[in-house]
């Protein structure tokens, strides 16, 4: 086009479609295993708590590292929320503080590092944090195909804490601080498909059970009458 050989860009309407990537996330059983593990090391116990905090808030490393007491506010529901500014999208968003992250914040509010930095959590550098997370994952018996890194907690929140518990995709998108709901749909498409199939399967099971109960109730009286007739016929034959 620059040299005048073409007057129009030939690929204007062509869109590259990337194959869907399978999302890696922890199951609730794996979250509980990490949470309940005593690592016999204060350093690793702190890292474990920070990771669990991110699993229940969906915060990325940059946001978790930067939160301070001023980010904690009371919402319209009277409960505590985090007001976050996401560096990646330059967007403000709110995150509900569930019981588990509230417990962790309370645990570290007087930690020397938190008091010195004016932060809510004693988070080390990203390099150290991910290195320590690898130790946590190995000691907690997390499968090798799910290496513990800071971003895995965010995926775990979206899939295990949010979607698996019926959170609306629009609400999840806001809590994750995504630029649009389409970003959420594209990012978690494979998980949404899996949940859809599971929900359809559960619905079929419920409908099958309801139908079976209906049939049993409807024909129960008739079956009892038939049984009585058969019993009478047997008695008459013996007499």
C-alpha atoms as a PDB file:
ATOM      1  CA  UNK A   1       0.000   0.000   0.000  1.00  0.00           C
ATOM      2  CA  UNK A   2       2.882   2.346   0.821  1.00  0.00           C
ATOM      3  CA  UNK A   3       4.423   1.760  -2.637  1.00  0.00           C
ATOM      4  CA  UNK A   4       1.069   2.062  -4.423  1.00  0.00           C
ATOM      5  CA  UNK A   5       0.762  -1.584  -5.460  1.00  0.00           C
ATOM      6  CA  UNK A   6      -2.465  -1.960  -3.437  1.00  0.00           C
ATOM      7  CA  UNK A   7      -5.211   0.563  -2.877  1.00  0.00           C
ATOM      8  CA  UNK A   8      -6.933  -1.318  -0.031  1.00  0.00           C
ATOM      9  CA  UNK A   9      -5.661  -3.459   2.819  1.00  0.00           C
ATOM     10  CA  UNK A  10      -6.671  -7.022   1.811  1.00  0.00           C
ATOM     11  CA  UNK A  11      -6.989  -8.395   5.369  1.00  0.00           C
ATOM     12  CA  UNK A  12      -9.166  -5.647   6.807  1.00  0.00           C
ATOM     13  CA  UNK A  13     -12.007  -8.015   7.746  1.00  0.00           C
ATOM     14  CA  UNK A  14      -9.804 -10.930   8.766  1.00  0.00           C
ATOM     15  CA  UNK A  15      -9.652 -11.622  12.498  1.00  0.00           C
ATOM     16  CA  UNK A  16      -7.114 -13.910  14.084  1.00  0.00           C
ATOM     17  CA  UNK A  17      -8.800 -16.457  16.337  1.00  0.00           C
ATOM     18  CA  UNK A  18      -6.607 -17.924  19.019  1.00  0.00           C
ATOM     19  CA  UNK A  19      -7.422 -21.434  20.281  1.00  0.00           C
ATOM     20  CA  UNK A  20      -9.004 -21.514  23.716  1.00  0.00           C
ATOM     21  CA  UNK A  21      -6.491 -22.083  26.480  1.00  0.00           C
ATOM     22  CA  UNK A  22      -7.339 -24.386  29.344  1.00  0.00           C
ATOM     23  CA  UNK A  23      -7.398 -22.359  32.545  1.00  0.00           C
ATOM     24  CA  UNK A  24      -5.299 -23.653  35.429  1.00  0.00           C
ATOM     25  CA  UNK A  25      -6.824 -23.173  38.879  1.00  0.00           C
ATOM     26  CA  UNK A  26      -6.931 -24.866  42.266  1.00  0.00           C
ATOM     27  CA  UNK A  27      -9.879 -26.896  43.494  1.00  0.00           C
ATOM     28  CA  UNK A  28     -11.442 -26.174  46.876  1.00  0.00           C
ATOM     29  CA  UNK A  29      -9.759 -29.292  48.256  1.00  0.00           C
ATOM     30  CA  UNK A  30      -6.349 -28.001  47.133  1.00  0.00           C
ATOM     31  CA  UNK A  31      -7.031 -24.560  48.611  1.00  0.00           C
ATOM     32  CA  UNK A  32      -7.954 -26.178  51.944  1.00  0.00           C
ATOM     33  CA  UNK A  33      -4.843 -28.360  51.819  1.00  0.00           C
ATOM     34  CA  UNK A  34      -2.572 -25.322  51.443  1.00  0.00           C
ATOM     35  CA  UNK A  35      -4.476 -23.362  54.076  1.00  0.00           C
ATOM     36  CA  UNK A  36      -4.366 -26.129  56.695  1.00  0.00           C
ATOM     37  CA  UNK A  37      -0.718 -27.035  56.130  1.00  0.00           C
ATOM     38  CA  UNK A  38       1.692 -25.969  58.874  1.00  0.00           C
ATOM     39  CA  UNK A  39       4.972 -25.299  57.082  1.00  0.00           C
ATOM     40  CA  UNK A  40       7.031 -25.051  60.291  1.00  0.00           C
ATOM     41  CA  UNK A  41       8.538 -21.887  58.838  1.00  0.00           C
ATOM     42  CA  UNK A  42       7.253 -18.359  59.611  1.00  0.00           C
ATOM     43  CA  UNK A  43       8.421 -17.230  56.172  1.00  0.00           C
ATOM     44  CA  UNK A  44       6.385 -19.866  54.313  1.00  0.00           C
ATOM     45  CA  UNK A  45       3.377 -19.479  56.601  1.00  0.00           C
ATOM     46  CA  UNK A  46       3.269 -15.772  55.690  1.00  0.00           C
ATOM     47  CA  UNK A  47       3.508 -16.581  51.968  1.00  0.00           C
ATOM     48  CA  UNK A  48       0.749 -19.178  52.391  1.00  0.00           C
ATOM     49  CA  UNK A  49      -1.530 -16.597  54.039  1.00  0.00           C
ATOM     50  CA  UNK A  50      -0.901 -14.028  51.295  1.00  0.00           C
ATOM     51  CA  UNK A  51      -1.667 -16.597  48.590  1.00  0.00           C
ATOM     52  CA  UNK A  52      -4.898 -17.671  50.328  1.00  0.00           C
ATOM     53  CA  UNK A  53      -5.845 -13.994  50.661  1.00  0.00           C
ATOM     54  CA  UNK A  54      -5.478 -13.597  46.879  1.00  0.00           C
ATOM     55  CA  UNK A  55      -7.468 -16.802  46.263  1.00  0.00           C
ATOM     56  CA  UNK A  56     -10.427 -15.265  48.093  1.00  0.00           C
ATOM     57  CA  UNK A  57     -10.145 -11.744  46.657  1.00  0.00           C
ATOM     58  CA  UNK A  58      -8.879 -12.267  43.105  1.00  0.00           C
ATOM     59  CA  UNK A  59      -6.197  -9.617  43.512  1.00  0.00           C
ATOM     60  CA  UNK A  60      -3.165  -9.734  41.253  1.00  0.00           C
ATOM     61  CA  UNK A  61       0.275  -9.367  42.824  1.00  0.00           C
ATOM     62  CA  UNK A  62       0.548  -5.628  42.104  1.00  0.00           C
ATOM     63  CA  UNK A  63      -2.800  -4.852  43.733  1.00  0.00           C
ATOM     64  CA  UNK A  64      -2.258  -7.122  46.744  1.00  0.00           C
ATOM     65  CA  UNK A  65       1.190  -5.630  47.353  1.00  0.00           C
ATOM     66  CA  UNK A  66      -0.129  -2.072  47.260  1.00  0.00           C
ATOM     67  CA  UNK A  67      -3.230  -2.266  49.489  1.00  0.00           C
ATOM     68  CA  UNK A  68      -3.159  -0.121  52.617  1.00  0.00           C
ATOM     69  CA  UNK A  69      -5.719   0.603  55.356  1.00  0.00           C
ATOM     70  CA  UNK A  70      -7.188   3.468  53.297  1.00  0.00           C
ATOM     71  CA  UNK A  71      -8.314   0.928  50.668  1.00  0.00           C
ATOM     72  CA  UNK A  72     -10.645  -0.733  53.199  1.00  0.00           C
ATOM     73  CA  UNK A  73     -14.055   0.947  53.276  1.00  0.00           C
ATOM     74  CA  UNK A  74     -17.596   0.166  54.386  1.00  0.00           C
ATOM     75  CA  UNK A  75     -19.941  -0.623  51.493  1.00  0.00           C
ATOM     76  CA  UNK A  76     -23.649   0.054  51.074  1.00  0.00           C
ATOM     77  CA  UNK A  77     -24.340  -3.353  52.617  1.00  0.00           C
ATOM     78  CA  UNK A  78     -22.548  -2.355  55.816  1.00  0.00           C
ATOM     79  CA  UNK A  79     -19.712  -4.839  55.210  1.00  0.00           C
ATOM     80  CA  UNK A  80     -16.059  -4.112  54.494  1.00  0.00           C
ATOM     81  CA  UNK A  81     -14.843  -3.846  50.888  1.00  0.00           C
ATOM     82  CA  UNK A  82     -11.535  -3.155  49.178  1.00  0.00           C
ATOM     83  CA  UNK A  83     -11.400  -0.171  46.848  1.00  0.00           C
ATOM     84  CA  UNK A  84      -8.691  -0.986  44.335  1.00  0.00           C
ATOM     85  CA  UNK A  85      -7.060   0.825  41.427  1.00  0.00           C
ATOM     86  CA  UNK A  86      -5.910  -1.769  38.911  1.00  0.00           C
ATOM     87  CA  UNK A  87      -2.622  -0.763  37.364  1.00  0.00           C
ATOM     88  CA  UNK A  88      -3.095  -2.913  34.261  1.00  0.00           C
ATOM     89  CA  UNK A  89      -6.391  -1.361  33.140  1.00  0.00           C
ATOM     90  CA  UNK A  90      -6.088   1.968  35.028  1.00  0.00           C
ATOM     91  CA  UNK A  91      -9.547   1.228  36.393  1.00  0.00           C
ATOM     92  CA  UNK A  92     -11.049   1.530  39.888  1.00  0.00           C
ATOM     93  CA  UNK A  93     -13.070  -1.398  41.186  1.00  0.00           C
ATOM     94  CA  UNK A  94     -14.373  -2.900  44.437  1.00  0.00           C
ATOM     95  CA  UNK A  95     -13.734  -6.307  45.987  1.00  0.00           C
ATOM     96  CA  UNK A  96     -15.859  -7.763  48.806  1.00  0.00           C
ATOM     97  CA  UNK A  97     -13.874  -8.885  51.838  1.00  0.00           C
ATOM     98  CA  UNK A  98     -15.032 -12.409  52.580  1.00  0.00           C
ATOM     99  CA  UNK A  99     -14.464 -13.930  56.066  1.00  0.00           C
ATOM    100  CA  UNK A 100     -11.163 -15.591  55.146  1.00  0.00           C
ATOM    101  CA  UNK A 101      -9.337 -12.482  53.812  1.00  0.00           C
ATOM    102  CA  UNK A 102     -10.724 -10.449  56.741  1.00  0.00           C
ATOM    103  CA  UNK A 103      -9.190 -12.960  59.122  1.00  0.00           C
ATOM    104  CA  UNK A 104      -5.828 -12.683  57.339  1.00  0.00           C
ATOM    105  CA  UNK A 105      -5.879  -8.869  57.374  1.00  0.00           C
ATOM    106  CA  UNK A 106      -6.587  -8.929  61.100  1.00  0.00           C
ATOM    107  CA  UNK A 107      -3.688 -11.353  61.622  1.00  0.00           C
ATOM    108  CA  UNK A 108      -1.140  -9.020  59.991  1.00  0.00           C
ATOM    109  CA  UNK A 109      -2.386  -5.569  60.949  1.00  0.00           C
ATOM    110  CA  UNK A 110       0.378  -5.218  63.575  1.00  0.00           C
ATOM    111  CA  UNK A 111       3.106  -7.033  61.633  1.00  0.00           C
ATOM    112  CA  UNK A 112       6.388  -5.021  61.785  1.00  0.00           C
ATOM    113  CA  UNK A 113       6.764  -4.903  57.977  1.00  0.00           C
ATOM    114  CA  UNK A 114       3.151  -3.743  57.531  1.00  0.00           C
ATOM    115  CA  UNK A 115       3.575  -1.003  60.165  1.00  0.00           C
ATOM    116  CA  UNK A 116       6.856   0.141  58.603  1.00  0.00           C
ATOM    117  CA  UNK A 117       5.509   0.273  55.033  1.00  0.00           C
ATOM    118  CA  UNK A 118       1.954   1.343  55.863  1.00  0.00           C
ATOM    119  CA  UNK A 119       0.619  -1.691  53.996  1.00  0.00           C
ATOM    120  CA  UNK A 120      -1.901  -4.386  54.902  1.00  0.00           C
ATOM    121  CA  UNK A 121       0.213  -7.422  54.015  1.00  0.00           C
ATOM    122  CA  UNK A 122       3.965  -8.146  54.366  1.00  0.00           C
ATOM    123  CA  UNK A 123       4.474  -9.088  50.723  1.00  0.00           C
ATOM    124  CA  UNK A 124       8.055  -9.572  49.447  1.00  0.00           C
ATOM    125  CA  UNK A 125       9.239  -8.821  45.909  1.00  0.00           C
ATOM    126  CA  UNK A 126       7.480 -10.615  43.063  1.00  0.00           C
ATOM    127  CA  UNK A 127      10.551 -12.778  42.378  1.00  0.00           C
ATOM    128  CA  UNK A 128      10.858 -13.895  45.998  1.00  0.00           C
ATOM    129  CA  UNK A 129       7.109 -14.355  46.349  1.00  0.00           C
ATOM    130  CA  UNK A 130       6.896 -16.747  43.386  1.00  0.00           C
ATOM    131  CA  UNK A 131      10.033 -18.593  44.521  1.00  0.00           C
ATOM    132  CA  UNK A 132       8.549 -19.115  47.994  1.00  0.00           C
ATOM    133  CA  UNK A 133       5.226 -20.139  46.462  1.00  0.00           C
ATOM    134  CA  UNK A 134       6.998 -22.980  44.671  1.00  0.00           C
ATOM    135  CA  UNK A 135       8.158 -24.264  48.053  1.00  0.00           C
ATOM    136  CA  UNK A 136       4.615 -23.958  49.420  1.00  0.00           C
ATOM    137  CA  UNK A 137       3.205 -25.891  46.467  1.00  0.00           C
ATOM    138  CA  UNK A 138       5.773 -28.669  46.743  1.00  0.00           C
ATOM    139  CA  UNK A 139       5.278 -29.111  50.483  1.00  0.00           C
ATOM    140  CA  UNK A 140       1.476 -29.015  50.215  1.00  0.00           C
ATOM    141  CA  UNK A 141       1.495 -31.710  47.511  1.00  0.00           C
ATOM    142  CA  UNK A 142      -0.012 -29.569  44.742  1.00  0.00           C
ATOM    143  CA  UNK A 143       0.329 -31.312  41.329  1.00  0.00           C
ATOM    144  CA  UNK A 144       3.269 -30.296  39.160  1.00  0.00           C
ATOM    145  CA  UNK A 145       0.939 -29.221  36.351  1.00  0.00           C
ATOM    146  CA  UNK A 146      -0.394 -26.480  38.670  1.00  0.00           C
ATOM    147  CA  UNK A 147       2.730 -24.559  39.640  1.00  0.00           C
ATOM    148  CA  UNK A 148       1.933 -22.040  42.356  1.00  0.00           C
ATOM    149  CA  UNK A 149       2.499 -18.533  41.018  1.00  0.00           C
ATOM    150  CA  UNK A 150       0.868 -15.267  42.000  1.00  0.00           C
ATOM    151  CA  UNK A 151      -1.551 -15.248  39.040  1.00  0.00           C
ATOM    152  CA  UNK A 152      -2.869 -18.739  39.845  1.00  0.00           C
ATOM    153  CA  UNK A 153      -4.650 -17.295  42.885  1.00  0.00           C
ATOM    154  CA  UNK A 154      -6.560 -14.866  40.671  1.00  0.00           C
ATOM    155  CA  UNK A 155      -7.659 -17.705  38.367  1.00  0.00           C
ATOM    156  CA  UNK A 156      -8.649 -19.760  41.399  1.00  0.00           C
ATOM    157  CA  UNK A 157     -10.833 -16.960  42.731  1.00  0.00           C
ATOM    158  CA  UNK A 158     -12.602 -16.596  39.392  1.00  0.00           C
ATOM    159  CA  UNK A 159     -13.199 -20.321  38.858  1.00  0.00           C
ATOM    160  CA  UNK A 160     -13.443 -22.050  42.252  1.00  0.00           C
ATOM    161  CA  UNK A 161     -14.645 -19.238  44.511  1.00  0.00           C
ATOM    162  CA  UNK A 162     -16.718 -17.321  41.960  1.00  0.00           C
ATOM    163  CA  UNK A 163     -18.076 -19.287  38.999  1.00  0.00           C
ATOM    164  CA  UNK A 164     -18.287 -22.672  40.750  1.00  0.00           C
ATOM    165  CA  UNK A 165     -20.431 -21.080  43.479  1.00  0.00           C
ATOM    166  CA  UNK A 166     -22.835 -19.510  41.010  1.00  0.00           C
ATOM    167  CA  UNK A 167     -21.442 -15.968  40.830  1.00  0.00           C
ATOM    168  CA  UNK A 168     -22.919 -13.990  37.948  1.00  0.00           C
ATOM    169  CA  UNK A 169     -20.386 -13.453  35.160  1.00  0.00           C
ATOM    170  CA  UNK A 170     -21.108  -9.710  35.118  1.00  0.00           C
ATOM    171  CA  UNK A 171     -20.464  -9.438  38.860  1.00  0.00           C
ATOM    172  CA  UNK A 172     -17.281 -11.483  38.513  1.00  0.00           C
ATOM    173  CA  UNK A 173     -16.083  -9.190  35.736  1.00  0.00           C
ATOM    174  CA  UNK A 174     -16.515  -6.128  37.978  1.00  0.00           C
ATOM    175  CA  UNK A 175     -14.815  -7.766  40.965  1.00  0.00           C
ATOM    176  CA  UNK A 176     -11.851  -8.815  38.812  1.00  0.00           C
ATOM    177  CA  UNK A 177     -11.554  -5.262  37.484  1.00  0.00           C
ATOM    178  CA  UNK A 178     -11.735  -6.338  33.838  1.00  0.00           C
ATOM    179  CA  UNK A 179     -12.123  -3.636  31.208  1.00  0.00           C
ATOM    180  CA  UNK A 180     -15.335  -5.289  29.944  1.00  0.00           C
ATOM    181  CA  UNK A 181     -17.445  -8.394  30.472  1.00  0.00           C
ATOM    182  CA  UNK A 182     -16.194  -9.687  27.098  1.00  0.00           C
ATOM    183  CA  UNK A 183     -12.682  -9.914  28.545  1.00  0.00           C
ATOM    184  CA  UNK A 184     -14.041 -12.160  31.309  1.00  0.00           C
ATOM    185  CA  UNK A 185     -15.998 -14.308  28.851  1.00  0.00           C
ATOM    186  CA  UNK A 186     -12.948 -14.724  26.619  1.00  0.00           C
ATOM    187  CA  UNK A 187     -10.584 -15.426  29.512  1.00  0.00           C
ATOM    188  CA  UNK A 188     -12.758 -18.054  31.191  1.00  0.00           C
ATOM    189  CA  UNK A 189     -14.580 -19.493  28.182  1.00  0.00           C
ATOM    190  CA  UNK A 190     -13.425 -23.080  28.770  1.00  0.00           C
ATOM    191  CA  UNK A 191     -14.396 -22.965  32.451  1.00  0.00           C
ATOM    192  CA  UNK A 192     -17.807 -21.482  31.620  1.00  0.00           C
ATOM    193  CA  UNK A 193     -18.377 -24.294  29.107  1.00  0.00           C
ATOM    194  CA  UNK A 194     -17.453 -26.911  31.735  1.00  0.00           C
ATOM    195  CA  UNK A 195     -19.825 -25.360  34.284  1.00  0.00           C
ATOM    196  CA  UNK A 196     -22.600 -25.161  31.692  1.00  0.00           C
ATOM    197  CA  UNK A 197     -22.298 -28.887  30.936  1.00  0.00           C
ATOM    198  CA  UNK A 198     -22.221 -29.678  34.660  1.00  0.00           C
ATOM    199  CA  UNK A 199     -25.327 -27.540  35.298  1.00  0.00           C
ATOM    200  CA  UNK A 200     -27.183 -29.169  32.400  1.00  0.00           C
ATOM    201  CA  UNK A 201     -26.261 -32.608  33.748  1.00  0.00           C
ATOM    202  CA  UNK A 202     -27.481 -31.657  37.241  1.00  0.00           C
ATOM    203  CA  UNK A 203     -30.712 -30.303  35.749  1.00  0.00           C
ATOM    204  CA  UNK A 204     -31.317 -33.554  33.863  1.00  0.00           C
ATOM    205  CA  UNK A 205     -30.736 -35.569  37.054  1.00  0.00           C
ATOM    206  CA  UNK A 206     -33.178 -33.382  38.995  1.00  0.00           C
ATOM    207  CA  UNK A 207     -35.830 -33.607  36.282  1.00  0.00           C
ATOM    208  CA  UNK A 208     -35.387 -37.381  36.013  1.00  0.00           C
ATOM    209  CA  UNK A 209     -35.774 -37.763  39.784  1.00  0.00           C
ATOM    210  CA  UNK A 210     -38.862 -35.538  39.828  1.00  0.00           C
ATOM    211  CA  UNK A 211     -40.430 -37.470  36.948  1.00  0.00           C
ATOM    212  CA  UNK A 212     -39.723 -40.795  38.657  1.00  0.00           C
ATOM    213  CA  UNK A 213     -41.326 -39.590  41.896  1.00  0.00           C
ATOM    214  CA  UNK A 214     -44.361 -38.377  39.944  1.00  0.00           C
ATOM    215  CA  UNK A 215     -44.818 -41.750  38.217  1.00  0.00           C
ATOM    216  CA  UNK A 216     -44.420 -43.656  41.469  1.00  0.00           C
ATOM    217  CA  UNK A 217     -46.971 -41.436  43.212  1.00  0.00           C
ATOM    218  CA  UNK A 218     -49.444 -41.581  40.321  1.00  0.00           C
ATOM    219  CA  UNK A 219     -49.471 -45.366  39.996  1.00  0.00           C
ATOM    220  CA  UNK A 220     -48.934 -46.290  43.619  1.00  0.00           C
ATOM    221  CA  UNK A 221     -52.656 -46.760  44.270  1.00  0.00           C
ATOM    222  CA  UNK A 222     -53.130 -48.820  41.122  1.00  0.00           C
ATOM    223  CA  UNK A 223     -50.211 -51.056  41.976  1.00  0.00           C
ATOM    224  CA  UNK A 224     -51.585 -51.667  45.456  1.00  0.00           C
ATOM    225  CA  UNK A 225     -54.957 -52.642  43.974  1.00  0.00           C
ATOM    226  CA  UNK A 226     -53.296 -55.049  41.547  1.00  0.00           C
ATOM    227  CA  UNK A 227     -51.314 -56.618  44.388  1.00  0.00           C
ATOM    228  CA  UNK A 228     -54.530 -57.189  46.357  1.00  0.00           C
ATOM    229  CA  UNK A 229     -56.180 -58.881  43.371  1.00  0.00           C
ATOM    230  CA  UNK A 230     -53.177 -61.140  42.878  1.00  0.00           C
ATOM    231  CA  UNK A 231     -53.184 -62.083  46.580  1.00  0.00           C
ATOM    232  CA  UNK A 232     -56.925 -62.901  46.464  1.00  0.00           C
ATOM    233  CA  UNK A 233     -56.444 -65.050  43.368  1.00  0.00           C
ATOM    234  CA  UNK A 234     -53.659 -66.986  45.087  1.00  0.00           C
ATOM    235  CA  UNK A 235     -55.777 -67.567  48.190  1.00  0.00           C
ATOM    236  CA  UNK A 236     -58.775 -68.715  46.056  1.00  0.00           C
ATOM    237  CA  UNK A 237     -56.550 -71.129  44.169  1.00  0.00           C
ATOM    238  CA  UNK A 238     -55.259 -72.674  47.386  1.00  0.00           C
ATOM    239  CA  UNK A 239     -58.789 -73.077  48.744  1.00  0.00           C
END
